[in-house]
Amino acid sequence: MANIVNAYAIYNGTMSAYVGDQGFVVQMNCDQLQSYSPRPCWLLRMQNPGDGTSINYEITFAPSSQQLLDQNTLAGFWVEINGQDAMIDITTAAALQSACDACCGSVPTIIANNYGGAAPSFTPYTLNSFCIYRLDAGDTNAHGQMALDYLTSFIGSIVMKSHITGVSHYTLTSFYTLTGTTTPQLVPLLGDVITNGACAS
């Protein structure tokens, strides 16, 4: 008879829902674990453009070094059982294997984990202002193109501060930064020059 083991859930892959802060426990029949289970994975928690209250959750099996350094990234393991997917909170694949191999009442109540059913709260990013210098015509079409180019990187609207000798100065606010490793980076496009702070002129 197969062991039934328990683990805290971080993300319900079947429902695409974050449950890491709810202490939700999943029961797994070890005989029904499917291929590639458990598999190391990471949950990326990212602040969406807008008012900063919407969080996007994305599973990855190959995080970048920047994503690993982000304090909002959670580590766990992906399991598949009878067509159901979940990210669970266990320390290692060996911890799940040991629980499945246990016998005679020695199965742990909850498999060894990192977050104890209460994953760290999301840490909001800081809202920053930037000045972008771009060579363009300084007209309505150019302004619209600028907004399209940086569409997912700013909140509110992009303001054209001035147009001087073929160079437009645009101010925008964003949760991104120009440097650092723990927040998304605002990357210059099309030869733009970006500086910290709103445009002075």
N, C-alpha and C. Protein backbone atom coordinates (compact mmCIF):
# COMPACT_ATOMS: atom_id res chain seq x y z
N MET A 1 0.84 -1.19 0.00
CA MET A 1 0.00 0.00 0.00
C MET A 1 0.88 1.24 0.00
N ALA A 2 0.57 2.18 -0.87
CA ALA A 2 1.39 3.39 -1.01
C ALA A 2 1.19 4.33 0.16
N ASN A 3 2.24 5.07 0.46
CA ASN A 3 2.14 6.08 1.50
C ASN A 3 1.41 7.31 0.97
N ILE A 4 0.62 7.91 1.83
CA ILE A 4 0.02 9.22 1.55
C ILE A 4 0.87 10.22 2.32
N VAL A 5 1.45 11.19 1.60
CA VAL A 5 2.31 12.18 2.24
C VAL A 5 1.70 13.56 2.09
N ASN A 6 2.07 14.44 3.00
CA ASN A 6 1.52 15.80 3.02
C ASN A 6 2.61 16.84 2.85
N ALA A 7 2.27 17.89 2.13
CA ALA A 7 3.21 19.01 1.94
C ALA A 7 2.42 20.30 1.83
N TYR A 8 3.05 21.39 2.24
CA TYR A 8 2.43 22.70 2.05
C TYR A 8 2.47 23.06 0.57
N ALA A 9 1.38 23.64 0.08
CA ALA A 9 1.32 24.10 -1.32
C ALA A 9 1.70 25.57 -1.39
N ILE A 10 2.41 25.92 -2.45
CA ILE A 10 2.75 27.31 -2.71
C ILE A 10 1.90 27.86 -3.86
N TYR A 11 1.70 27.00 -4.87
CA TYR A 11 0.99 27.46 -6.07
C TYR A 11 0.17 26.30 -6.63
N ASN A 12 -1.10 26.55 -6.89
CA ASN A 12 -1.97 25.56 -7.50
C ASN A 12 -1.87 25.72 -9.01
N GLY A 13 -1.11 24.83 -9.65
CA GLY A 13 -0.89 24.95 -11.08
C GLY A 13 -2.13 24.66 -11.90
N THR A 14 -3.00 23.81 -11.40
CA THR A 14 -4.23 23.48 -12.12
C THR A 14 -5.17 24.68 -12.19
N MET A 15 -5.24 25.43 -11.09
CA MET A 15 -6.13 26.59 -11.02
C MET A 15 -5.39 27.91 -11.28
N SER A 16 -4.06 27.85 -11.47
CA SER A 16 -3.23 29.06 -11.65
C SER A 16 -3.48 30.04 -10.50
N ALA A 17 -3.33 29.55 -9.27
CA ALA A 17 -3.63 30.37 -8.10
C ALA A 17 -2.51 30.27 -7.06
N TYR A 18 -2.12 31.41 -6.52
CA TYR A 18 -1.12 31.46 -5.45
C TYR A 18 -1.78 31.12 -4.12
N VAL A 19 -1.21 30.15 -3.39
CA VAL A 19 -1.78 29.75 -2.10
C VAL A 19 -0.70 29.67 -1.02
N GLY A 20 0.45 30.25 -1.31
CA GLY A 20 1.60 30.12 -0.42
C GLY A 20 1.46 30.77 0.94
N ASP A 21 0.48 31.64 1.10
CA ASP A 21 0.30 32.32 2.38
C ASP A 21 -0.93 31.81 3.13
N GLN A 22 -1.47 30.66 2.70
CA GLN A 22 -2.71 30.17 3.28
C GLN A 22 -2.55 28.91 4.11
N GLY A 23 -1.33 28.37 4.21
CA GLY A 23 -1.12 27.15 4.98
C GLY A 23 -1.83 25.95 4.37
N PHE A 24 -2.09 26.00 3.08
CA PHE A 24 -2.82 24.94 2.39
C PHE A 24 -1.96 23.68 2.27
N VAL A 25 -2.49 22.54 2.66
CA VAL A 25 -1.76 21.28 2.64
C VAL A 25 -2.33 20.38 1.54
N VAL A 26 -1.43 19.80 0.73
CA VAL A 26 -1.86 18.84 -0.28
C VAL A 26 -1.45 17.44 0.16
N GLN A 27 -2.34 16.49 -0.08
CA GLN A 27 -2.05 15.09 0.19
C GLN A 27 -1.68 14.42 -1.12
N MET A 28 -0.60 13.65 -1.10
CA MET A 28 -0.11 13.01 -2.32
C MET A 28 0.04 11.52 -2.10
N ASN A 29 -0.50 10.75 -3.00
CA ASN A 29 -0.30 9.30 -3.01
C ASN A 29 0.99 9.06 -3.78
N CYS A 30 2.00 8.55 -3.11
CA CYS A 30 3.32 8.40 -3.72
C CYS A 30 3.29 7.56 -4.99
N ASP A 31 2.39 6.57 -5.08
CA ASP A 31 2.30 5.73 -6.27
C ASP A 31 1.73 6.46 -7.47
N GLN A 32 1.11 7.62 -7.23
CA GLN A 32 0.47 8.34 -8.33
C GLN A 32 1.29 9.53 -8.81
N LEU A 33 2.46 9.75 -8.23
CA LEU A 33 3.32 10.82 -8.73
C LEU A 33 3.74 10.49 -10.16
N GLN A 34 3.63 11.48 -11.04
CA GLN A 34 3.92 11.24 -12.44
C GLN A 34 5.36 11.63 -12.78
N SER A 35 5.74 11.34 -14.00
CA SER A 35 7.12 11.60 -14.45
C SER A 35 7.54 13.04 -14.18
N TYR A 36 8.81 13.20 -13.87
CA TYR A 36 9.43 14.50 -13.59
C TYR A 36 8.92 15.12 -12.29
N SER A 37 8.32 14.32 -11.42
CA SER A 37 7.90 14.81 -10.10
C SER A 37 8.76 14.13 -9.04
N PRO A 38 9.26 14.89 -8.07
CA PRO A 38 9.21 16.35 -8.00
C PRO A 38 10.30 16.97 -8.87
N ARG A 39 10.04 18.17 -9.32
CA ARG A 39 10.97 18.89 -10.20
C ARG A 39 11.22 20.27 -9.62
N PRO A 40 12.48 20.69 -9.43
CA PRO A 40 12.75 22.03 -8.87
C PRO A 40 12.10 23.13 -9.72
N CYS A 41 11.48 24.08 -9.06
CA CYS A 41 10.88 25.20 -9.77
C CYS A 41 10.91 26.43 -8.87
N TRP A 42 10.61 27.56 -9.46
CA TRP A 42 10.60 28.83 -8.74
C TRP A 42 9.35 29.60 -9.13
N LEU A 43 8.76 30.28 -8.16
CA LEU A 43 7.61 31.12 -8.43
C LEU A 43 8.07 32.57 -8.44
N LEU A 44 7.94 33.21 -9.59
CA LEU A 44 8.30 34.62 -9.73
C LEU A 44 7.08 35.45 -9.37
N ARG A 45 7.25 36.34 -8.41
CA ARG A 45 6.16 37.25 -8.02
C ARG A 45 6.58 38.64 -8.46
N MET A 46 5.79 39.23 -9.37
CA MET A 46 6.17 40.50 -9.97
C MET A 46 5.03 41.50 -9.85
N GLN A 47 5.40 42.75 -9.61
CA GLN A 47 4.42 43.81 -9.49
C GLN A 47 4.06 44.30 -10.89
N ASN A 48 2.77 44.27 -11.21
CA ASN A 48 2.31 44.70 -12.52
C ASN A 48 2.30 46.22 -12.63
N PRO A 49 2.44 46.74 -13.86
CA PRO A 49 2.24 48.19 -14.05
C PRO A 49 0.84 48.56 -13.58
N GLY A 50 0.66 49.79 -13.22
CA GLY A 50 -0.64 50.24 -12.71
C GLY A 50 -0.44 50.91 -11.38
N ASP A 51 -1.34 50.63 -10.45
CA ASP A 51 -1.25 51.31 -9.15
C ASP A 51 -0.37 50.55 -8.16
N GLY A 52 0.24 49.46 -8.59
CA GLY A 52 1.16 48.73 -7.73
C GLY A 52 0.52 47.72 -6.82
N THR A 53 -0.78 47.48 -6.97
CA THR A 53 -1.47 46.55 -6.08
C THR A 53 -1.66 45.17 -6.71
N SER A 54 -1.41 45.05 -7.99
CA SER A 54 -1.62 43.79 -8.70
C SER A 54 -0.30 43.03 -8.82
N ILE A 55 -0.31 41.78 -8.37
CA ILE A 55 0.89 40.94 -8.42
C ILE A 55 0.70 39.84 -9.45
N ASN A 56 1.70 39.64 -10.28
CA ASN A 56 1.67 38.58 -11.28
C ASN A 56 2.51 37.41 -10.78
N TYR A 57 2.00 36.19 -10.96
CA TYR A 57 2.70 34.99 -10.52
C TYR A 57 3.06 34.16 -11.74
N GLU A 58 4.32 33.75 -11.82
CA GLU A 58 4.78 32.97 -12.97
C GLU A 58 5.74 31.88 -12.51
N ILE A 59 5.47 30.66 -12.93
CA ILE A 59 6.34 29.52 -12.61
C ILE A 59 7.47 29.46 -13.63
N THR A 60 8.68 29.19 -13.17
CA THR A 60 9.80 28.98 -14.08
C THR A 60 10.62 27.80 -13.59
N PHE A 61 11.19 27.08 -14.52
CA PHE A 61 12.08 25.97 -14.19
C PHE A 61 13.53 26.33 -14.48
N ALA A 62 13.75 27.52 -15.04
CA ALA A 62 15.10 27.97 -15.39
C ALA A 62 15.22 29.47 -15.10
N PRO A 63 15.28 29.85 -13.81
CA PRO A 63 15.34 31.27 -13.47
C PRO A 63 16.68 31.88 -13.83
N SER A 64 16.67 33.17 -14.11
CA SER A 64 17.92 33.90 -14.35
C SER A 64 18.57 34.20 -13.00
N SER A 65 19.82 34.60 -13.03
CA SER A 65 20.51 34.94 -11.79
C SER A 65 19.83 36.12 -11.11
N GLN A 66 19.31 37.07 -11.89
CA GLN A 66 18.59 38.21 -11.31
C GLN A 66 17.32 37.76 -10.61
N GLN A 67 16.60 36.83 -11.23
CA GLN A 67 15.38 36.32 -10.62
C GLN A 67 15.66 35.57 -9.32
N LEU A 68 16.76 34.84 -9.28
CA LEU A 68 17.13 34.11 -8.05
C LEU A 68 17.46 35.06 -6.91
N LEU A 69 18.00 36.24 -7.24
CA LEU A 69 18.37 37.21 -6.21
C LEU A 69 17.17 38.03 -5.73
N ASP A 70 16.09 38.00 -6.49
CA ASP A 70 14.90 38.77 -6.13
C ASP A 70 14.27 38.16 -4.88
N GLN A 71 14.10 38.97 -3.85
CA GLN A 71 13.53 38.47 -2.59
C GLN A 71 12.08 38.01 -2.74
N ASN A 72 11.43 38.36 -3.84
CA ASN A 72 10.06 37.95 -4.07
C ASN A 72 9.95 36.61 -4.80
N THR A 73 11.08 36.03 -5.18
CA THR A 73 11.07 34.73 -5.84
C THR A 73 11.04 33.62 -4.78
N LEU A 74 10.13 32.67 -4.94
CA LEU A 74 10.01 31.56 -4.00
C LEU A 74 10.48 30.27 -4.65
N ALA A 75 11.20 29.44 -3.88
CA ALA A 75 11.70 28.16 -4.37
C ALA A 75 10.83 27.03 -3.88
N GLY A 76 10.68 26.01 -4.71
CA GLY A 76 9.91 24.83 -4.32
C GLY A 76 10.08 23.73 -5.34
N PHE A 77 9.13 22.81 -5.36
CA PHE A 77 9.18 21.69 -6.29
C PHE A 77 7.82 21.49 -6.94
N TRP A 78 7.84 21.18 -8.23
CA TRP A 78 6.63 20.95 -9.01
C TRP A 78 6.29 19.47 -8.99
N VAL A 79 5.03 19.17 -8.72
CA VAL A 79 4.58 17.78 -8.74
C VAL A 79 3.34 17.67 -9.62
N GLU A 80 3.20 16.50 -10.24
CA GLU A 80 2.03 16.19 -11.06
C GLU A 80 1.44 14.87 -10.57
N ILE A 81 0.14 14.91 -10.26
CA ILE A 81 -0.56 13.71 -9.79
C ILE A 81 -1.93 13.67 -10.45
N ASN A 82 -2.15 12.62 -11.22
CA ASN A 82 -3.45 12.43 -11.88
C ASN A 82 -3.92 13.68 -12.64
N GLY A 83 -3.02 14.29 -13.38
CA GLY A 83 -3.39 15.47 -14.17
C GLY A 83 -3.50 16.75 -13.39
N GLN A 84 -3.21 16.72 -12.11
CA GLN A 84 -3.24 17.91 -11.26
C GLN A 84 -1.79 18.37 -11.02
N ASP A 85 -1.57 19.69 -11.10
CA ASP A 85 -0.23 20.25 -10.92
C ASP A 85 -0.20 21.16 -9.70
N ALA A 86 0.94 21.14 -9.02
CA ALA A 86 1.12 22.05 -7.88
C ALA A 86 2.59 22.29 -7.62
N MET A 87 2.89 23.46 -7.10
CA MET A 87 4.22 23.75 -6.57
C MET A 87 4.12 23.55 -5.07
N ILE A 88 4.98 22.68 -4.54
CA ILE A 88 4.93 22.40 -3.11
C ILE A 88 6.19 22.90 -2.41
N ASP A 89 6.06 23.11 -1.13
CA ASP A 89 7.15 23.61 -0.30
C ASP A 89 7.84 22.44 0.38
N ILE A 90 8.90 21.95 -0.26
CA ILE A 90 9.75 20.93 0.37
C ILE A 90 11.20 21.38 0.20
N THR A 91 12.05 20.95 1.11
CA THR A 91 13.45 21.40 1.07
C THR A 91 14.23 20.77 -0.08
N THR A 92 14.01 19.49 -0.32
CA THR A 92 14.72 18.76 -1.38
C THR A 92 13.82 17.67 -1.93
N ALA A 93 14.17 17.19 -3.12
CA ALA A 93 13.44 16.05 -3.68
C ALA A 93 13.62 14.82 -2.79
N ALA A 94 14.81 14.73 -2.15
CA ALA A 94 15.09 13.60 -1.26
C ALA A 94 14.13 13.58 -0.07
N ALA A 95 13.67 14.75 0.38
CA ALA A 95 12.73 14.81 1.50
C ALA A 95 11.42 14.14 1.12
N LEU A 96 10.95 14.37 -0.11
CA LEU A 96 9.73 13.72 -0.58
C LEU A 96 9.97 12.22 -0.76
N GLN A 97 11.12 11.85 -1.29
CA GLN A 97 11.43 10.44 -1.50
C GLN A 97 11.48 9.70 -0.16
N SER A 98 12.09 10.33 0.84
CA SER A 98 12.17 9.71 2.16
C SER A 98 10.79 9.51 2.77
N ALA A 99 9.93 10.51 2.60
CA ALA A 99 8.57 10.39 3.12
C ALA A 99 7.82 9.27 2.41
N CYS A 100 8.03 9.16 1.11
CA CYS A 100 7.35 8.10 0.34
C CYS A 100 7.89 6.72 0.70
N ASP A 101 9.16 6.64 1.08
CA ASP A 101 9.77 5.35 1.42
C ASP A 101 9.56 4.95 2.88
N ALA A 102 9.03 5.90 3.67
CA ALA A 102 8.86 5.62 5.10
C ALA A 102 7.83 4.51 5.31
N CYS A 103 7.94 3.90 6.46
CA CYS A 103 7.04 2.77 6.74
C CYS A 103 6.57 2.79 8.18
N CYS A 104 5.48 2.20 8.35
CA CYS A 104 5.00 1.82 9.69
C CYS A 104 4.84 3.00 10.65
N GLY A 105 4.14 4.02 10.21
CA GLY A 105 3.86 5.14 11.09
C GLY A 105 4.95 6.19 11.17
N SER A 106 6.01 6.05 10.38
CA SER A 106 7.10 7.03 10.45
C SER A 106 7.00 8.11 9.39
N VAL A 107 5.90 8.13 8.64
CA VAL A 107 5.70 9.17 7.63
C VAL A 107 5.53 10.52 8.34
N PRO A 108 6.28 11.55 7.93
CA PRO A 108 6.16 12.85 8.62
C PRO A 108 4.78 13.47 8.40
N THR A 109 4.32 14.22 9.40
CA THR A 109 3.04 14.90 9.29
C THR A 109 3.05 15.83 8.09
N ILE A 110 4.09 16.65 8.00
CA ILE A 110 4.31 17.54 6.85
C ILE A 110 5.77 17.35 6.43
N ILE A 111 6.01 17.18 5.16
CA ILE A 111 7.39 17.00 4.67
C ILE A 111 8.21 18.25 4.98
N ALA A 112 9.50 18.05 5.31
CA ALA A 112 10.40 19.16 5.63
C ALA A 112 10.28 20.25 4.58
N ASN A 113 10.15 21.51 5.04
CA ASN A 113 9.85 22.61 4.13
C ASN A 113 10.63 23.87 4.48
N ASN A 114 10.49 24.88 3.63
CA ASN A 114 11.20 26.15 3.81
C ASN A 114 10.35 27.23 4.47
N TYR A 115 9.04 27.25 4.16
CA TYR A 115 8.21 28.38 4.55
C TYR A 115 7.14 28.06 5.59
N GLY A 116 6.94 26.80 5.91
CA GLY A 116 5.99 26.42 6.94
C GLY A 116 4.56 26.83 6.68
N GLY A 117 4.15 26.86 5.42
CA GLY A 117 2.78 27.23 5.09
C GLY A 117 2.51 28.71 5.09
N ALA A 118 3.54 29.51 5.28
CA ALA A 118 3.38 30.97 5.28
C ALA A 118 4.56 31.60 4.55
N ALA A 119 4.50 31.56 3.23
CA ALA A 119 5.57 32.14 2.42
C ALA A 119 5.73 33.63 2.74
N PRO A 120 6.95 34.15 2.62
CA PRO A 120 7.17 35.58 2.92
C PRO A 120 6.24 36.47 2.09
N SER A 121 5.76 37.52 2.72
CA SER A 121 4.89 38.47 2.01
C SER A 121 5.65 39.12 0.86
N PHE A 122 4.90 39.50 -0.16
CA PHE A 122 5.51 40.20 -1.29
C PHE A 122 6.03 41.55 -0.82
N THR A 123 7.25 41.87 -1.22
CA THR A 123 7.84 43.17 -0.89
C THR A 123 7.64 44.11 -2.07
N PRO A 124 6.82 45.14 -1.92
CA PRO A 124 6.55 46.04 -3.06
C PRO A 124 7.80 46.77 -3.51
N TYR A 125 7.84 47.04 -4.79
CA TYR A 125 8.94 47.83 -5.34
C TYR A 125 8.71 49.30 -5.03
N THR A 126 9.77 50.08 -5.13
CA THR A 126 9.69 51.52 -4.91
C THR A 126 9.36 52.21 -6.23
N LEU A 127 8.48 53.20 -6.18
CA LEU A 127 8.12 53.95 -7.37
C LEU A 127 9.22 54.97 -7.67
N ASN A 128 9.72 54.96 -8.90
CA ASN A 128 10.82 55.84 -9.30
C ASN A 128 10.44 56.70 -10.49
N SER A 129 11.09 57.85 -10.61
CA SER A 129 10.90 58.74 -11.77
C SER A 129 12.14 58.67 -12.65
N PHE A 130 11.92 58.77 -13.97
CA PHE A 130 13.03 58.72 -14.92
C PHE A 130 12.83 59.77 -16.00
N CYS A 131 13.94 60.20 -16.57
CA CYS A 131 13.92 61.09 -17.72
C CYS A 131 14.52 60.32 -18.89
N ILE A 132 13.80 60.28 -19.99
CA ILE A 132 14.28 59.59 -21.19
C ILE A 132 14.49 60.63 -22.29
N TYR A 133 15.69 60.61 -22.86
CA TYR A 133 16.04 61.50 -23.96
C TYR A 133 16.00 60.68 -25.25
N ARG A 134 15.22 61.17 -26.24
CA ARG A 134 15.08 60.42 -27.49
C ARG A 134 15.15 61.37 -28.68
N LEU A 135 15.87 60.93 -29.70
CA LEU A 135 15.90 61.65 -30.97
C LEU A 135 14.61 61.34 -31.73
N ASP A 136 13.71 62.31 -31.83
CA ASP A 136 12.48 62.12 -32.59
C ASP A 136 11.94 63.47 -33.03
N ALA A 137 10.77 63.44 -33.66
CA ALA A 137 10.19 64.67 -34.22
C ALA A 137 9.50 65.53 -33.17
N GLY A 138 9.27 64.98 -32.00
CA GLY A 138 8.64 65.76 -30.94
C GLY A 138 7.17 66.03 -31.17
N ASP A 139 6.54 65.29 -32.07
CA ASP A 139 5.11 65.50 -32.35
C ASP A 139 4.26 64.44 -31.65
N THR A 140 2.97 64.47 -31.92
CA THR A 140 2.04 63.55 -31.28
C THR A 140 2.36 62.09 -31.61
N ASN A 141 2.72 61.83 -32.86
CA ASN A 141 3.07 60.47 -33.25
C ASN A 141 4.29 59.96 -32.49
N ALA A 142 5.28 60.83 -32.33
CA ALA A 142 6.50 60.44 -31.61
C ALA A 142 6.18 60.15 -30.15
N HIS A 143 5.31 60.97 -29.57
CA HIS A 143 4.91 60.77 -28.17
C HIS A 143 4.18 59.44 -28.02
N GLY A 144 3.29 59.14 -28.95
CA GLY A 144 2.57 57.88 -28.91
C GLY A 144 3.49 56.69 -29.07
N GLN A 145 4.49 56.83 -29.96
CA GLN A 145 5.44 55.74 -30.17
C GLN A 145 6.26 55.48 -28.90
N MET A 146 6.63 56.55 -28.22
CA MET A 146 7.38 56.41 -26.96
C MET A 146 6.55 55.62 -25.95
N ALA A 147 5.26 55.96 -25.83
CA ALA A 147 4.38 55.24 -24.90
C ALA A 147 4.26 53.78 -25.28
N LEU A 148 4.17 53.48 -26.56
CA LEU A 148 4.09 52.09 -27.01
C LEU A 148 5.38 51.33 -26.72
N ASP A 149 6.51 51.97 -26.93
CA ASP A 149 7.80 51.30 -26.74
C ASP A 149 8.02 50.88 -25.29
N TYR A 150 7.54 51.69 -24.35
CA TYR A 150 7.76 51.39 -22.93
C TYR A 150 6.46 50.96 -22.23
N LEU A 151 5.51 50.48 -23.00
CA LEU A 151 4.15 50.21 -22.52
C LEU A 151 4.08 49.43 -21.21
N THR A 152 4.87 48.39 -21.06
CA THR A 152 4.76 47.55 -19.85
C THR A 152 5.71 47.98 -18.74
N SER A 153 6.41 49.09 -18.92
CA SER A 153 7.44 49.47 -17.97
C SER A 153 7.10 50.69 -17.12
N PHE A 154 5.95 51.32 -17.34
CA PHE A 154 5.63 52.52 -16.58
C PHE A 154 4.21 52.48 -16.09
N ILE A 155 3.90 53.36 -15.13
CA ILE A 155 2.53 53.52 -14.66
C ILE A 155 2.08 54.95 -14.95
N GLY A 156 0.79 55.15 -15.02
CA GLY A 156 0.29 56.48 -15.34
C GLY A 156 0.50 56.78 -16.80
N SER A 157 1.11 57.92 -17.08
CA SER A 157 1.36 58.32 -18.47
C SER A 157 2.78 58.85 -18.61
N ILE A 158 3.25 58.84 -19.84
CA ILE A 158 4.55 59.43 -20.15
C ILE A 158 4.31 60.89 -20.53
N VAL A 159 5.05 61.79 -19.91
CA VAL A 159 4.88 63.22 -20.16
C VAL A 159 6.06 63.74 -20.96
N MET A 160 5.77 64.42 -22.07
CA MET A 160 6.85 65.07 -22.82
C MET A 160 7.12 66.42 -22.16
N LYS A 161 8.31 66.52 -21.59
CA LYS A 161 8.67 67.75 -20.88
C LYS A 161 9.07 68.85 -21.85
N SER A 162 9.86 68.47 -22.87
CA SER A 162 10.30 69.47 -23.85
C SER A 162 10.85 68.77 -25.08
N HIS A 163 11.06 69.57 -26.13
CA HIS A 163 11.69 69.09 -27.35
C HIS A 163 12.70 70.16 -27.77
N ILE A 164 13.97 69.82 -27.64
CA ILE A 164 15.04 70.78 -27.88
C ILE A 164 15.98 70.23 -28.94
N THR A 165 16.09 70.95 -30.07
CA THR A 165 17.02 70.60 -31.14
C THR A 165 16.97 69.12 -31.51
N GLY A 166 15.76 68.63 -31.78
CA GLY A 166 15.60 67.26 -32.25
C GLY A 166 15.59 66.20 -31.16
N VAL A 167 15.71 66.60 -29.90
CA VAL A 167 15.72 65.65 -28.79
C VAL A 167 14.51 65.92 -27.88
N SER A 168 13.68 64.90 -27.73
CA SER A 168 12.54 65.02 -26.83
C SER A 168 12.93 64.52 -25.44
N HIS A 169 12.41 65.20 -24.42
CA HIS A 169 12.65 64.82 -23.02
C HIS A 169 11.32 64.31 -22.45
N TYR A 170 11.29 63.04 -22.08
CA TYR A 170 10.08 62.41 -21.56
C TYR A 170 10.29 62.01 -20.09
N THR A 171 9.29 62.27 -19.26
CA THR A 171 9.33 61.84 -17.87
C THR A 171 8.31 60.72 -17.68
N LEU A 172 8.73 59.68 -16.97
CA LEU A 172 7.80 58.60 -16.64
C LEU A 172 8.08 58.10 -15.23
N THR A 173 7.10 57.42 -14.64
CA THR A 173 7.29 56.79 -13.34
C THR A 173 7.15 55.29 -13.52
N SER A 174 7.93 54.54 -12.75
CA SER A 174 7.99 53.09 -12.93
C SER A 174 8.44 52.42 -11.64
N PHE A 175 8.09 51.14 -11.51
CA PHE A 175 8.60 50.33 -10.41
C PHE A 175 9.95 49.71 -10.78
N TYR A 176 10.42 49.98 -11.99
CA TYR A 176 11.70 49.46 -12.44
C TYR A 176 12.83 50.33 -11.90
N THR A 177 14.06 49.85 -12.07
CA THR A 177 15.25 50.63 -11.71
C THR A 177 16.24 50.58 -12.88
N LEU A 178 17.27 51.42 -12.81
CA LEU A 178 18.29 51.40 -13.85
C LEU A 178 19.42 50.44 -13.52
N THR A 179 19.66 50.24 -12.23
CA THR A 179 20.73 49.35 -11.80
C THR A 179 20.21 48.44 -10.70
N GLY A 180 21.02 47.48 -10.31
CA GLY A 180 20.63 46.59 -9.24
C GLY A 180 20.26 45.23 -9.77
N THR A 181 20.02 44.30 -8.85
CA THR A 181 19.77 42.92 -9.25
C THR A 181 18.45 42.37 -8.73
N THR A 182 17.76 43.10 -7.89
CA THR A 182 16.57 42.52 -7.26
C THR A 182 15.25 43.05 -7.78
N THR A 183 15.27 44.01 -8.70
CA THR A 183 14.04 44.52 -9.29
C THR A 183 14.20 44.53 -10.81
N PRO A 184 13.09 44.56 -11.54
CA PRO A 184 13.18 44.62 -13.00
C PRO A 184 13.94 45.87 -13.45
N GLN A 185 14.64 45.75 -14.56
CA GLN A 185 15.44 46.85 -15.06
C GLN A 185 14.73 47.60 -16.18
N LEU A 186 14.82 48.92 -16.15
CA LEU A 186 14.30 49.75 -17.24
C LEU A 186 15.42 49.84 -18.28
N VAL A 187 15.22 49.21 -19.41
CA VAL A 187 16.26 49.09 -20.43
C VAL A 187 16.03 50.13 -21.52
N PRO A 188 17.04 50.94 -21.85
CA PRO A 188 16.89 51.93 -22.93
C PRO A 188 16.61 51.24 -24.27
N LEU A 189 15.71 51.82 -25.04
CA LEU A 189 15.37 51.29 -26.36
C LEU A 189 15.72 52.29 -27.46
N LEU A 190 16.04 51.80 -28.62
CA LEU A 190 16.23 52.62 -29.82
C LEU A 190 17.21 53.77 -29.62
N GLY A 191 18.26 53.52 -28.87
CA GLY A 191 19.27 54.56 -28.66
C GLY A 191 18.89 55.60 -27.62
N ASP A 192 17.81 55.38 -26.87
CA ASP A 192 17.40 56.33 -25.83
C ASP A 192 18.47 56.42 -24.74
N VAL A 193 18.47 57.55 -24.05
CA VAL A 193 19.31 57.74 -22.88
C VAL A 193 18.37 57.96 -21.69
N ILE A 194 18.56 57.16 -20.63
CA ILE A 194 17.67 57.26 -19.46
C ILE A 194 18.49 57.68 -18.25
N THR A 195 17.95 58.64 -17.50
CA THR A 195 18.59 59.07 -16.25
C THR A 195 17.56 59.00 -15.12
N ASN A 196 18.05 58.88 -13.90
CA ASN A 196 17.17 58.86 -12.73
C ASN A 196 16.60 60.25 -12.49
N GLY A 197 15.35 60.29 -12.04
CA GLY A 197 14.70 61.55 -11.72
C GLY A 197 13.92 62.12 -12.89
N ALA A 198 12.94 62.95 -12.58
CA ALA A 198 12.14 63.60 -13.62
C ALA A 198 13.01 64.56 -14.41
N CYS A 199 12.63 64.80 -15.65
CA CYS A 199 13.39 65.73 -16.51
C CYS A 199 13.32 67.14 -15.92
N ALA A 200 14.47 67.79 -15.85
CA ALA A 200 14.53 69.16 -15.34
C ALA A 200 14.04 70.15 -16.37
N SER A 201 14.20 69.83 -17.64
CA SER A 201 13.75 70.74 -18.71
C SER A 201 13.28 69.95 -19.92
